Amino acid sequence: MAAGRVVKGIRFQGLRDVGDPVELGAAYSDAGADELVFLDVKATLEERATLVELVSQIAERLAIPFTVGGGVRSARDGEELLAAGADKVAVNSAALERPELVTELASQLGSQAVVVAIDAERGRVRSRAGTTETGRAAVEWAREVEARGAGEILLTSIDADGTRAGYDLELTAAVSKAVDLPVIASGGAGNAQHVAAAFGVAQAALLASILHEDPDRLASLRDELRELGVPVR
């Protein structure tokens, strides 16, 4: 999400507008999504907070859990998002700059409400919407945030993002094996087989590109997953 609109690119580049977040969120909720994740990808780069009023508008239209991230720099930021209707907050760049933030959020909000988003390229963590090297390995950072109180990890492969060629299963498996937290695989979904493969190494899979242009695809995708033997609600 950027400038109040849902955007999507390939490997974090060439972001294009794909719709209104309130309407898309409602459509996904009505179509049977398990959860929604909204990340304000420009908040950190523009050095501002997440658009709290927009979060409130989206939350009013949802009947499913809602995670919001982007621009979260303090426990107070997290509290504001939960008060606006989010169920969980995601933190990324600010936690890399000050890892104690994860502990503060977990202490104030509860670990169940704290998601650490990890963006990785060739197994190495990048921050600030993928623009900055951190010198950290994804596996080691995952272990650290678990120790600091995170409740979930949202792992995005920059290499696979937007390609629709499949998730980075090697990276996802390595992180999943390193922690006891639920890991959400992100980046690269193109079909039901890709999603089924992700469920083999992670606890959940995030979908973006293949749904943004056709939210109704979610229903048929769930049927395809059932045919592949993947238990879905």
Foldseek 3Di string as FASTA:
>chain_A
DEPQFDWFDALLPDTDGLGHLQVLLLLLQVLDDQEEEEEHLCCVVVVHAPPLQSLLSNLVNHPHAYEYEHRDQALVSQVSNVVSRHQAYEYEQNCLVPVLRLLRNCVNPNQLRYEYEFEDEPQFTADSSRPGGRPHGPQVVLLVSVVSRHQEYEYEYSNQAPVLQAFPQVNLQSNLVSDPHFYETEGRNNALVRQLSSVVRGVHYDDDPVCSNPVNVVNVSVVVNVVVVHDDD
